[in-house]
Protein backbone atom coordinates (compact mmCIF):
# COMPACT_ATOMS: atom_id res chain seq x y z
CA UNK A 1 -12.30 29.73 -5.03
CA UNK A 2 -15.74 29.47 -3.44
CA UNK A 3 -15.89 29.75 0.35
CA UNK A 4 -15.84 26.60 2.45
CA UNK A 5 -19.33 25.39 3.30
CA UNK A 6 -20.57 24.55 6.76
CA UNK A 7 -23.59 22.48 7.72
CA UNK A 8 -25.03 20.67 10.71
CA UNK A 9 -24.78 16.89 11.01
CA UNK A 10 -25.98 15.21 14.19
CA UNK A 11 -25.16 18.29 16.22
CA UNK A 12 -21.63 18.78 14.84
CA UNK A 13 -20.68 21.68 12.60
CA UNK A 14 -18.95 20.27 9.53
CA UNK A 15 -16.77 22.68 7.60
CA UNK A 16 -16.05 21.11 4.25
CA UNK A 17 -13.22 22.43 2.14
CA UNK A 18 -14.28 23.33 -1.42
CA UNK A 19 -14.64 20.11 -3.39
CA UNK A 20 -14.54 21.53 -6.89
CA UNK A 21 -10.99 22.89 -7.11
CA UNK A 22 -8.45 20.05 -7.13
CA UNK A 23 -4.79 20.45 -6.36
CA UNK A 24 -2.97 18.46 -9.03
CA UNK A 25 0.72 17.61 -8.77
CA UNK A 26 2.05 17.15 -12.30
CA UNK A 27 4.45 14.34 -11.41
CA UNK A 28 1.60 12.31 -9.90
CA UNK A 29 -0.67 13.05 -12.83
CA UNK A 30 1.98 12.02 -15.34
CA UNK A 31 2.62 8.75 -13.50
CA UNK A 32 -1.07 7.96 -13.33
CA UNK A 33 -1.57 8.68 -17.02
CA UNK A 34 1.49 6.66 -18.00
CA UNK A 35 0.58 3.68 -15.83
CA UNK A 36 -3.10 3.50 -16.59
CA UNK A 37 -3.77 4.87 -20.07
CA UNK A 38 -4.36 2.25 -22.75
CA UNK A 39 -2.70 2.68 -26.17
CA UNK A 40 -4.71 4.97 -28.39
CA UNK A 41 -7.01 6.02 -25.55
CA UNK A 42 -7.39 9.52 -24.14
CA UNK A 43 -7.70 9.54 -20.36
CA UNK A 44 -9.42 12.37 -18.54
CA UNK A 45 -8.63 12.14 -14.81
CA UNK A 46 -11.43 14.53 -13.88
CA UNK A 47 -14.11 12.90 -16.00
CA UNK A 48 -17.45 12.52 -14.24
CA UNK A 49 -18.66 9.62 -16.40
CA UNK A 50 -16.90 6.38 -15.44
CA UNK A 51 -16.78 3.87 -18.26
CA UNK A 52 -17.20 1.05 -15.73
CA UNK A 53 -20.59 2.46 -14.80
CA UNK A 54 -19.49 3.08 -11.22
CA UNK A 55 -17.03 5.01 -9.08
CA UNK A 56 -14.82 3.61 -6.32
CA UNK A 57 -14.77 4.94 -2.74
CA UNK A 58 -11.86 3.66 -0.68
CA UNK A 59 -11.31 3.83 3.09
CA UNK A 60 -7.68 3.42 4.11
CA UNK A 61 -5.51 3.40 7.22
CA UNK A 62 -2.54 4.24 4.96
CA UNK A 63 -1.99 7.73 3.62
CA UNK A 64 -1.81 8.14 -0.13
CA UNK A 65 1.33 10.28 0.09
CA UNK A 66 3.15 7.94 2.51
CA UNK A 67 4.78 5.28 0.32
CA UNK A 68 3.75 4.07 -3.13
CA UNK A 69 2.56 0.52 -2.61
CA UNK A 70 -0.39 -1.82 -3.14
CA UNK A 71 -3.26 0.69 -2.76
CA UNK A 72 -1.64 3.19 -5.10
CA UNK A 73 -0.80 0.57 -7.72
CA UNK A 74 -4.31 -0.87 -7.75
CA UNK A 75 -6.44 2.25 -7.43
CA UNK A 76 -4.48 4.27 -9.97
CA UNK A 77 -5.30 1.50 -12.42
CA UNK A 78 -9.00 1.70 -11.64
CA UNK A 79 -8.75 5.43 -12.36
CA UNK A 80 -8.43 4.72 -16.09
CA UNK A 81 -12.08 3.62 -16.06
CA UNK A 82 -13.75 5.51 -13.21
CA UNK A 83 -13.32 8.05 -10.48
CA UNK A 84 -11.53 7.06 -7.27
CA UNK A 85 -12.13 8.76 -3.92
CA UNK A 86 -9.52 7.75 -1.34
CA UNK A 87 -10.48 8.70 2.24
CA UNK A 88 -7.79 8.62 4.90
CA UNK A 89 -7.96 8.47 8.68
CA UNK A 90 -8.44 11.81 10.49
CA UNK A 91 -5.67 14.15 11.53
CA UNK A 92 -6.42 15.60 14.97
CA UNK A 93 -5.36 19.18 15.57
CA UNK A 94 -5.60 21.54 18.53
CA UNK A 95 -8.43 23.99 17.99
CA UNK A 96 -9.95 24.79 14.65
CA UNK A 97 -13.05 23.55 12.88
CA UNK A 98 -13.67 20.09 11.45
CA UNK A 99 -12.96 20.06 7.73
CA UNK A 100 -12.30 17.67 4.87
CA UNK A 101 -9.38 18.60 2.65
CA UNK A 102 -9.87 17.11 -0.80
CA UNK A 103 -7.24 17.34 -3.50
CA UNK A 104 -6.13 15.34 -6.51
CA UNK A 105 -3.15 13.02 -6.59
CA UNK A 106 -2.80 12.06 -10.21
CA UNK A 107 -6.14 10.54 -11.17
CA UNK A 108 -7.26 9.92 -7.59
CA UNK A 109 -9.18 12.24 -5.28
CA UNK A 110 -7.66 12.10 -1.79
CA UNK A 111 -9.72 13.22 1.19
CA UNK A 112 -8.00 14.01 4.50
CA UNK A 113 -10.31 14.71 7.47
CA UNK A 114 -9.05 17.29 9.96
CA UNK A 115 -10.73 17.23 13.37
CA UNK A 116 -10.22 19.20 16.56
CA UNK A 117 -8.52 17.42 19.42
CA UNK A 118 -10.82 16.51 22.28
CA UNK A 119 -13.79 15.27 20.26
CA UNK A 120 -15.40 12.18 21.74
CA UNK A 121 -16.01 8.99 19.76
CA UNK A 122 -19.58 9.90 18.83
CA UNK A 123 -18.54 13.34 17.58
CA UNK A 124 -15.70 11.90 15.53
CA UNK A 125 -18.05 9.37 13.95
CA UNK A 126 -20.68 12.03 13.20
CA UNK A 127 -18.10 14.30 11.60
CA UNK A 128 -16.83 11.52 9.36
CA UNK A 129 -20.36 10.52 8.34
CA UNK A 130 -20.90 14.13 7.36
CA UNK A 131 -17.70 14.23 5.34
CA UNK A 132 -18.61 11.08 3.42
CA UNK A 133 -22.16 12.21 2.69
CA UNK A 134 -21.03 15.68 1.62
CA UNK A 135 -18.35 14.25 -0.64
CA UNK A 136 -20.73 11.88 -2.41
CA UNK A 137 -23.34 14.58 -2.83
CA UNK A 138 -20.92 17.25 -4.07
CA UNK A 139 -19.46 14.94 -6.72
CA UNK A 140 -22.77 13.31 -7.62
CA UNK A 141 -21.43 9.87 -6.68
CA UNK A 142 -24.46 7.62 -7.05
CA UNK A 143 -23.27 4.25 -8.35
CA UNK A 144 -20.16 3.20 -6.50
CA UNK A 145 -18.16 0.33 -5.06
CA UNK A 146 -16.83 0.55 -1.51
CA UNK A 147 -13.22 -0.60 -1.11
CA UNK A 148 -11.91 -1.11 2.43
CA UNK A 149 -8.34 -1.36 3.64
CA UNK A 150 -9.41 -0.95 7.24
CA UNK A 151 -12.48 -2.23 9.08
CA UNK A 152 -12.18 0.82 11.35
CA UNK A 153 -14.06 2.82 8.69
CA UNK A 154 -17.28 0.87 9.19
CA UNK A 155 -18.77 3.07 11.95
CA UNK A 156 -19.05 6.04 9.56
CA UNK A 157 -19.74 4.14 6.32
CA UNK A 158 -22.10 1.30 7.17
CA UNK A 159 -25.10 3.46 6.22
CA UNK A 160 -23.99 3.59 2.58
CA UNK A 161 -25.62 1.52 -0.17
CA UNK A 162 -22.90 0.53 -2.67
CA UNK A 163 -23.18 -1.65 -5.73
CA UNK A 164 -20.56 -3.91 -4.14
CA UNK A 165 -18.22 -3.99 -1.15
CA UNK A 166 -14.60 -5.15 -1.38
CA UNK A 167 -12.23 -5.85 1.50
CA UNK A 168 -8.62 -5.81 0.28
CA UNK A 169 -6.87 -7.28 3.31
CA UNK A 170 -3.19 -6.37 3.07
CA UNK A 171 -2.11 -7.55 6.53
CA UNK A 172 -3.37 -9.03 9.77
CA UNK A 173 -3.86 -5.55 11.23
CA UNK A 174 -4.87 -6.85 14.66
CA UNK A 175 -1.32 -8.18 15.12
CA UNK A 176 0.28 -4.76 14.66
CA UNK A 177 1.49 -2.60 17.51
CA UNK A 178 -1.20 -0.35 19.03
CA UNK A 179 -4.00 -2.02 17.03
CA UNK A 180 -7.44 -0.71 18.11
CA UNK A 181 -9.33 -3.06 20.42
CA UNK A 182 -12.45 -2.85 18.21
CA UNK A 183 -10.62 -3.94 15.08
CA UNK A 184 -11.34 -7.66 15.25
CA UNK A 185 -15.07 -7.20 15.85
CA UNK A 186 -15.33 -4.67 13.06
CA UNK A 187 -13.46 -6.99 10.72
CA UNK A 188 -16.03 -9.70 11.42
CA UNK A 189 -18.78 -7.25 10.50
CA UNK A 190 -16.93 -6.20 7.36
CA UNK A 191 -16.56 -9.83 6.33
CA UNK A 192 -20.35 -10.22 6.63
CA UNK A 193 -20.93 -7.14 4.50
CA UNK A 194 -18.24 -7.68 1.88
CA UNK A 195 -19.09 -9.25 -1.47
CA UNK A 196 -15.41 -9.97 -2.16
CA UNK A 197 -12.31 -10.34 -0.07
CA UNK A 198 -8.82 -10.08 -1.51
CA UNK A 199 -5.67 -10.92 0.43
CA UNK A 200 -2.22 -9.43 -0.04
CA UNK A 201 -0.45 -12.77 0.16
CA UNK A 202 -0.80 -16.55 0.06
CA UNK A 203 -0.32 -17.16 3.79
CA UNK A 204 -2.94 -14.53 4.63
CA UNK A 205 -5.28 -16.20 2.16
CA UNK A 206 -4.80 -19.53 3.90
CA UNK A 207 -5.60 -17.94 7.25
CA UNK A 208 -8.72 -16.14 5.96
CA UNK A 209 -10.07 -18.55 3.37
CA UNK A 210 -12.72 -20.04 5.66
CA UNK A 211 -13.92 -16.66 6.92
CA UNK A 212 -15.57 -15.56 3.68
CA UNK A 213 -17.43 -17.24 0.84
CA UNK A 214 -15.50 -15.40 -1.88
CA UNK A 215 -11.89 -14.80 -0.89
CA UNK A 216 -9.07 -14.61 -3.44
CA UNK A 217 -5.29 -14.41 -3.02
CA UNK A 218 -3.60 -11.55 -4.87
CA UNK A 219 0.02 -11.47 -3.68
CA UNK A 220 2.32 -8.51 -4.21
CA UNK A 221 2.91 -7.82 -7.88
CA UNK A 222 5.41 -5.78 -9.85
CA UNK A 223 5.74 -2.70 -12.03
CA UNK A 224 8.67 -4.36 -13.79
CA UNK A 225 9.52 -1.60 -16.24
CA UNK A 226 9.98 0.88 -13.40
CA UNK A 227 12.52 -1.22 -11.49
CA UNK A 228 14.36 -2.92 -14.33
CA UNK A 229 15.99 0.45 -15.01
CA UNK A 230 18.17 -0.21 -11.96
CA UNK A 231 20.04 -2.89 -13.93
CA UNK A 232 21.68 -0.16 -15.98
CA UNK A 233 23.71 2.84 -14.90
CA UNK A 234 21.69 5.55 -13.18
CA UNK A 235 22.85 8.80 -11.63
CA UNK A 236 23.87 8.09 -8.05
CA UNK A 237 21.75 9.87 -5.42
CA UNK A 238 23.69 12.59 -3.62
CA UNK A 239 23.25 11.04 -0.18
CA UNK A 240 24.46 7.61 -1.34
CA UNK A 241 27.26 8.41 -3.76
CA UNK A 242 29.97 8.74 -1.10
CA UNK A 243 29.00 5.62 0.88
CA UNK A 244 31.75 3.00 0.38
CA UNK A 245 31.11 -0.40 -1.15
CA UNK A 246 29.89 -3.05 -0.86
CA UNK A 247 26.48 -1.59 -0.10
CA UNK A 248 23.68 -3.73 1.30
CA UNK A 249 20.37 -1.93 1.01
CA UNK A 250 16.84 -1.96 2.39
CA UNK A 251 13.95 0.31 1.48
CA UNK A 252 10.53 0.40 3.06
CA UNK A 253 8.84 1.41 6.27
CA UNK A 254 11.12 0.93 9.27
CA UNK A 255 8.90 -0.18 12.15
CA UNK A 256 8.35 -3.01 14.62
CA UNK A 257 8.74 -5.53 11.81
CA UNK A 258 12.48 -4.79 11.54
CA UNK A 259 14.82 -7.25 13.26
CA UNK A 260 17.06 -4.67 14.90
CA UNK A 261 19.22 -7.33 16.56
CA UNK A 262 19.91 -8.92 13.19
CA UNK A 263 20.84 -5.56 11.66
CA UNK A 264 23.10 -4.81 14.63
CA UNK A 265 24.78 -8.21 14.40
CA UNK A 266 25.26 -7.83 10.66
CA UNK A 267 26.90 -4.42 11.07
CA UNK A 268 29.18 -5.60 13.86
CA UNK A 269 30.18 -8.87 12.20
CA UNK A 270 31.14 -7.20 8.92
CA UNK A 271 32.12 -3.57 9.61
CA UNK A 272 33.49 -3.39 6.06
CA UNK A 273 29.96 -3.79 4.67
CA UNK A 274 27.82 -0.66 4.40
CA UNK A 275 24.13 -1.05 5.33
CA UNK A 276 21.88 1.51 3.63
CA UNK A 277 18.41 1.98 5.15
CA UNK A 278 15.95 3.94 3.01
CA UNK A 279 12.52 4.70 4.41
CA UNK A 280 10.50 6.47 7.10
CA UNK A 281 10.64 5.37 10.76
CA UNK A 282 7.12 4.67 12.03
CA UNK A 283 5.62 3.59 15.38
CA UNK A 284 9.00 3.00 16.99
CA UNK A 285 11.45 5.32 18.69
CA UNK A 286 14.19 6.23 16.18
CA UNK A 287 16.64 6.10 19.07
CA UNK A 288 15.93 2.37 19.40
CA UNK A 289 17.45 1.69 15.98
CA UNK A 290 21.01 0.35 15.83
CA UNK A 291 23.64 3.05 15.32
CA UNK A 292 26.96 1.96 13.89
CA UNK A 293 29.44 3.73 11.58
CA UNK A 294 28.47 1.43 8.71
CA UNK A 295 24.68 1.84 9.06
CA UNK A 296 23.28 4.75 7.03
CA UNK A 297 19.68 5.99 7.52
CA UNK A 298 18.75 8.04 4.47
CA UNK A 299 15.09 8.71 5.25
CA UNK A 300 12.06 8.30 3.03
CA UNK A 301 12.32 8.54 -0.75
CA UNK A 302 9.76 8.77 -3.52
CA UNK A 303 8.76 5.81 -5.66
CA UNK A 304 10.47 7.48 -8.62
CA UNK A 305 13.77 7.66 -6.74
CA UNK A 306 13.97 4.00 -5.69
CA UNK A 307 15.62 2.56 -8.85
CA UNK A 308 18.55 4.97 -8.48
CA UNK A 309 19.20 3.75 -4.94
CA UNK A 310 18.80 0.10 -5.94
CA UNK A 311 21.26 0.46 -8.80
CA UNK A 312 23.98 1.32 -6.31
CA UNK A 313 23.55 -1.74 -4.07
CA UNK A 314 25.36 -5.04 -4.32
CA UNK A 315 22.69 -6.87 -2.29
CA UNK A 316 19.10 -6.02 -1.31
CA UNK A 317 18.03 -6.94 2.21
CA UNK A 318 14.82 -7.91 3.97
CA UNK A 319 15.85 -8.28 7.65
CA UNK A 320 12.34 -8.74 9.01
CA UNK A 321 11.72 -9.96 12.53
CA UNK A 322 9.71 -13.14 12.81
CA UNK A 323 6.79 -12.16 14.99
CA UNK A 324 3.02 -11.77 14.86
CA UNK A 325 3.23 -8.57 12.80
CA UNK A 326 5.23 -10.33 10.06
CA UNK A 327 3.44 -13.66 10.11
CA UNK A 328 1.30 -12.86 7.06
CA UNK A 329 3.24 -10.15 5.26
CA UNK A 330 3.94 -10.46 1.55
CA UNK A 331 6.59 -7.80 0.92
CA UNK A 332 6.01 -5.85 -2.27
CA UNK A 333 9.73 -5.13 -2.35
CA UNK A 334 10.60 -8.78 -3.08
CA UNK A 335 9.71 -8.69 -6.80
CA UNK A 336 10.87 -5.07 -7.02
CA UNK A 337 14.35 -5.99 -5.77
CA UNK A 338 14.45 -8.88 -8.23
CA UNK A 339 13.30 -6.78 -11.17
CA UNK A 340 16.18 -4.43 -10.37
CA UNK A 341 18.56 -7.38 -10.76
CA UNK A 342 19.71 -7.24 -7.16
CA UNK A 343 20.45 -10.47 -5.26
CA UNK A 344 18.10 -10.67 -2.26
CA UNK A 345 18.76 -11.97 1.24
CA UNK A 346 15.82 -12.23 3.62
CA UNK A 347 14.73 -13.80 6.85
CA UNK A 348 12.33 -16.72 6.47
CA UNK A 349 9.11 -14.78 5.94
CA UNK A 350 6.61 -17.35 4.76
CA UNK A 351 5.53 -15.53 1.60
CA UNK A 352 9.19 -14.97 0.72
CA UNK A 353 10.16 -18.61 1.25
CA UNK A 354 7.19 -19.58 -0.94
CA UNK A 355 7.75 -19.11 -3.84
CA UNK A 356 10.94 -17.02 -4.02
CA UNK A 357 13.41 -18.96 -1.86
CA UNK A 358 12.03 -22.34 -2.91
CA UNK A 359 12.58 -21.29 -6.53
CA UNK A 360 16.19 -20.26 -5.86
CA UNK A 361 15.49 -16.57 -6.45
CA UNK A 362 16.09 -15.37 -2.87
CA UNK A 363 18.53 -16.48 -0.18
CA UNK A 364 17.28 -16.93 3.38
CA UNK A 365 18.94 -16.73 6.80
CA UNK A 366 17.49 -16.11 10.25
CA UNK A 367 20.56 -15.90 12.46
CA UNK A 368 23.35 -13.38 12.08
CA UNK A 369 25.68 -16.16 10.99
CA UNK A 370 23.27 -17.52 8.38
CA UNK A 371 22.41 -14.05 7.09
CA UNK A 372 26.09 -13.13 6.72
CA UNK A 373 26.84 -16.44 4.98
CA UNK A 374 24.01 -15.87 2.49
CA UNK A 375 25.31 -12.39 1.67
CA UNK A 376 28.85 -13.69 1.27
CA UNK A 377 27.60 -16.36 -1.13
CA UNK A 378 25.81 -13.91 -3.43
CA UNK A 379 28.74 -11.46 -3.33
CA UNK A 380 31.04 -14.26 -4.54
CA UNK A 381 28.72 -15.13 -7.40
CA UNK A 382 30.03 -13.08 -10.31
CA UNK A 383 28.04 -14.89 -13.02
CA UNK A 384 24.37 -14.18 -12.48
CA UNK A 385 23.09 -14.67 -16.01
CA UNK A 386 21.29 -17.94 -15.26
CA UNK A 387 19.76 -16.47 -12.09
CA UNK A 388 18.54 -13.39 -13.96
CA UNK A 389 16.91 -15.58 -16.60
CA UNK A 390 15.01 -17.40 -13.84
CA UNK A 391 14.04 -14.07 -12.29
CA UNK A 392 12.72 -12.71 -15.57
CA UNK A 393 10.82 -15.89 -16.30
CA UNK A 394 9.12 -15.68 -12.90
CA UNK A 395 8.33 -11.97 -13.10
CA UNK A 396 6.86 -12.35 -16.59
CA UNK A 397 3.94 -14.19 -14.99
CA UNK A 398 2.84 -11.26 -12.83
CA UNK A 399 2.15 -7.54 -13.06
CA UNK A 400 -0.05 -4.99 -11.33
CA UNK A 401 -1.95 -4.58 -14.59
CA UNK A 402 -2.78 -8.27 -14.64
CA UNK A 403 -3.70 -8.26 -10.95
CA UNK A 404 -6.06 -5.35 -11.36
CA UNK A 405 -7.64 -6.83 -14.50
CA UNK A 406 -8.60 -9.97 -12.57
CA UNK A 407 -9.86 -7.98 -9.58
CA UNK A 408 -11.95 -5.78 -11.86
CA UNK A 409 -13.46 -8.86 -13.51
CA UNK A 410 -14.58 -10.23 -10.13
CA UNK A 411 -16.04 -6.88 -9.10
CA UNK A 412 -17.81 -6.54 -12.43
CA UNK A 413 -19.52 -9.90 -11.95
CA UNK A 414 -20.88 -8.81 -8.56
CA UNK A 415 -22.04 -5.45 -9.88
CA UNK A 416 -23.74 -7.01 -12.90
CA UNK A 417 -25.69 -9.46 -10.75
CA UNK A 418 -26.78 -6.77 -8.31
CA UNK A 419 -27.86 -4.42 -11.06
CA UNK A 420 -30.03 -7.18 -12.53
CA UNK A 421 -31.53 -8.26 -9.19
CA UNK A 422 -34.28 -6.11 -7.64
CA UNK A 423 -33.75 -5.42 -3.91
CA UNK A 424 -35.73 -7.46 -1.40
CA UNK A 425 -38.24 -5.58 0.70
CA UNK A 426 -36.79 -5.02 4.16
CA UNK A 427 -33.36 -6.34 3.18
CA UNK A 428 -30.48 -4.92 5.19
CA UNK A 429 -26.95 -4.76 3.82
């Protein structure tokens, strides 16, 4: 392996990890190839010649290896046509030298900046500018689309000249706990720069639709084949097999969006029900979570493991708090639960009520009493054939493949126009 390179950028020494030797995890590569390869087509994840005519450079506040969700579904699908470079937020460490660790996750290059603790804002920005420039130069990335999940990346990327800029707005990030004070101003700048804005749900679209000239709603979609396996018998996970029934399950990030009072009330009202919580605890003190004999915290699991957990639940839960951080969420787990054939009980999250609850696919309750009553109702329902037919009819109208195909069409239109239009003298993007 060649030695790491160091260079000066605005007074900061940038030590860049070798960019030519990827670390490939076979399970990720296999998933990417299976999900994105077209029939009869050979896919080379390290190809340097994108068939789209451009690469994609993504800036994200979410880490690629955290949970498999919207960014992973969408960008792994782009990877069948072009290279994807996914740049995460920095990890700050005591001592050491600034470096960018770049490795391959399936068909996607993931860059993780490592910076010494104690750097001021200007030094952090300069280091990240250096990382981005070095990455693009080392991989000969010339024609590319910028894809933002966070406006906080603008300070070290606004100097770039992409073919197009996309803002895929998953959530109202300013409403989340510990949101940076600069986020709202940077989002306004990103909206001015973006050629396209996508939203992760219908309610978020309605809130943002007048803030951009080309905004499109792309709610959470579904990898149906992956989750439908939970309708059949699967080997029970070792940490769930001995939990008594009935089991009521939740998977996802456990954070300030969880209604802990509702979960506590549910556990206390029905101590004979077992509540299974699968997922990492983030941004909240784990000690603040309700602890009862019938609440089981199993920690984070991989995307591949989720169907096995789902297959062992009688009911799938979405006990979200109703606050500013959940006002615009469109939970990806809603269609995943349904594809698994699990009855779903949720609080009245707007993008769950419309269309799922209104279509009779999901039951809703906001108080402990209403939530318990909804669970009791679905547990009593032993004939779910009609409900499953409605579920399958609804899910047949959506897929991540279809979502990405439409997104790619919109991006392609922008790129085509820009490639045909000569730049204006003195124009500033």
